[in-house]
Amino acid sequence: MEFDDEKYCNFSLLEKRQGQKIVLGLVNTQSDELEDKEVLLKRLEEANKHVDPKQICIATQYGFASTEAGNLISEEGQWRKLDLVHELAESLNA
C-alpha cells in the first residue's frame, strides 16, 4: 500500500486487514530526495495504532523503474533509499 505522501496516509484503512501482513510503501522511488527518517517513523507509529505492529512490513512505494522511461533517480540515490527501508525495518524489530 502506498503511503509515501502525507495526504494519502489514512492508516485507518489498515483496520480492515487484521491478521494479514501489510506492506507499507513509505519510501518514494521517483526522485533522489531522501525522506526524513523521523517523519517515516511517525507514519509507522500511526499505522501501529490501527494494526498489530507484527503485521507491518516496510518497502519502497514501488520499483525504481516504474515507467518504461524509468525515473530520474541515480543508482546512489536508489541505494540510499534501500538503506532507509532497511533502517525502518530494523526499527520495527527493536
Protein backbone atom coordinates (compact mmCIF):
# COMPACT_ATOMS: atom_id res chain seq x y z
CA MET A 1 0.00 0.00 0.00
CA GLU A 2 1.43 3.37 -0.97
CA PHE A 3 1.93 5.72 1.96
CA ASP A 4 4.79 7.84 0.64
CA ASP A 5 2.73 11.05 0.53
CA GLU A 6 1.32 12.64 3.69
CA LYS A 7 -2.02 13.45 2.03
CA TYR A 8 -2.66 9.74 1.38
CA CYS A 9 -1.74 8.48 4.85
CA ASN A 10 -5.14 7.29 6.04
CA PHE A 11 -3.94 4.41 8.18
CA SER A 12 -7.44 3.63 9.44
CA LEU A 13 -7.81 1.62 6.20
CA LEU A 14 -5.43 -0.91 7.72
CA GLU A 15 -8.04 -1.94 10.28
CA LYS A 16 -9.79 -3.93 7.54
CA ARG A 17 -6.67 -6.11 7.21
CA GLN A 18 -6.45 -7.57 10.71
CA GLY A 19 -4.37 -10.75 10.80
CA GLN A 20 -2.74 -10.14 7.40
CA LYS A 21 0.75 -8.95 6.52
CA ILE A 22 0.69 -5.35 5.33
CA VAL A 23 3.48 -3.86 3.25
CA LEU A 24 3.67 -0.09 3.61
CA GLY A 25 5.25 1.68 0.64
CA LEU A 26 6.71 4.58 2.61
CA VAL A 27 9.75 5.49 0.51
CA ASN A 28 9.31 7.31 -2.81
CA THR A 29 11.24 5.84 -5.74
CA GLN A 30 10.89 8.65 -8.26
CA SER A 31 13.49 11.13 -7.02
CA ASP A 32 16.87 11.27 -5.29
CA GLU A 33 15.44 13.28 -2.39
CA LEU A 34 15.78 11.16 0.74
CA GLU A 35 12.81 11.15 3.07
CA ASP A 36 13.17 12.31 6.67
CA LYS A 37 13.52 9.17 8.78
CA GLU A 38 11.70 10.79 11.72
CA VAL A 39 8.69 11.60 9.53
CA LEU A 40 8.55 7.99 8.36
CA LEU A 41 8.88 6.69 11.92
CA LYS A 42 5.87 8.84 12.86
CA ARG A 43 3.92 7.27 10.00
CA LEU A 44 4.84 3.84 11.35
CA GLU A 45 3.65 4.88 14.81
CA GLU A 46 0.35 5.98 13.29
CA ALA A 47 -0.01 2.67 11.42
CA ASN A 48 0.69 0.80 14.67
CA LYS A 49 -2.39 2.42 16.20
CA HIS A 50 -4.57 0.57 13.70
CA VAL A 51 -2.98 -2.89 13.39
CA ASP A 52 -0.63 -5.15 15.29
CA PRO A 53 2.94 -3.97 14.52
CA LYS A 54 3.87 -7.60 13.74
CA GLN A 55 1.67 -7.35 10.63
CA ILE A 56 3.66 -4.45 9.17
CA CYS A 57 6.44 -4.70 6.58
CA ILE A 58 8.28 -1.75 5.01
CA ALA A 59 9.03 -1.22 1.33
CA THR A 60 9.55 1.38 -1.33
CA GLN A 61 6.47 2.89 -2.94
CA TYR A 62 7.10 0.69 -5.99
CA GLY A 63 10.07 -0.26 -8.18
CA PHE A 64 12.80 2.15 -9.22
CA ALA A 65 11.88 1.76 -12.90
CA SER A 66 8.12 2.02 -12.58
CA THR A 67 7.70 3.54 -16.03
CA GLU A 68 9.11 2.48 -19.38
CA ALA A 69 11.39 5.53 -19.40
CA GLY A 70 12.43 4.93 -15.80
CA ASN A 71 12.66 7.57 -13.10
CA LEU A 72 15.11 10.40 -12.51
CA ILE A 73 16.93 8.75 -9.64
CA SER A 74 20.61 7.88 -9.53
CA GLU A 75 21.96 4.48 -8.57
CA GLU A 76 23.43 6.08 -5.43
CA GLY A 77 20.00 7.52 -4.61
CA GLN A 78 18.44 4.09 -5.01
CA TRP A 79 20.93 2.56 -2.57
CA ARG A 80 20.30 5.35 -0.04
CA LYS A 81 16.57 4.68 -0.26
CA LEU A 82 17.08 0.94 0.23
CA ASP A 83 19.31 1.66 3.24
CA LEU A 84 16.50 3.80 4.67
CA VAL A 85 13.99 0.97 4.16
CA HIS A 86 16.40 -1.35 5.99
CA GLU A 87 16.77 1.11 8.90
CA LEU A 88 12.99 1.45 9.18
CA ALA A 89 12.55 -2.32 9.13
CA GLU A 90 15.10 -2.68 11.92
CA SER A 91 13.19 -0.14 14.00
CA LEU A 92 10.09 -2.36 13.69
CA ASN A 93 12.02 -5.26 15.17
CA ALA A 94 13.55 -3.23 18.01
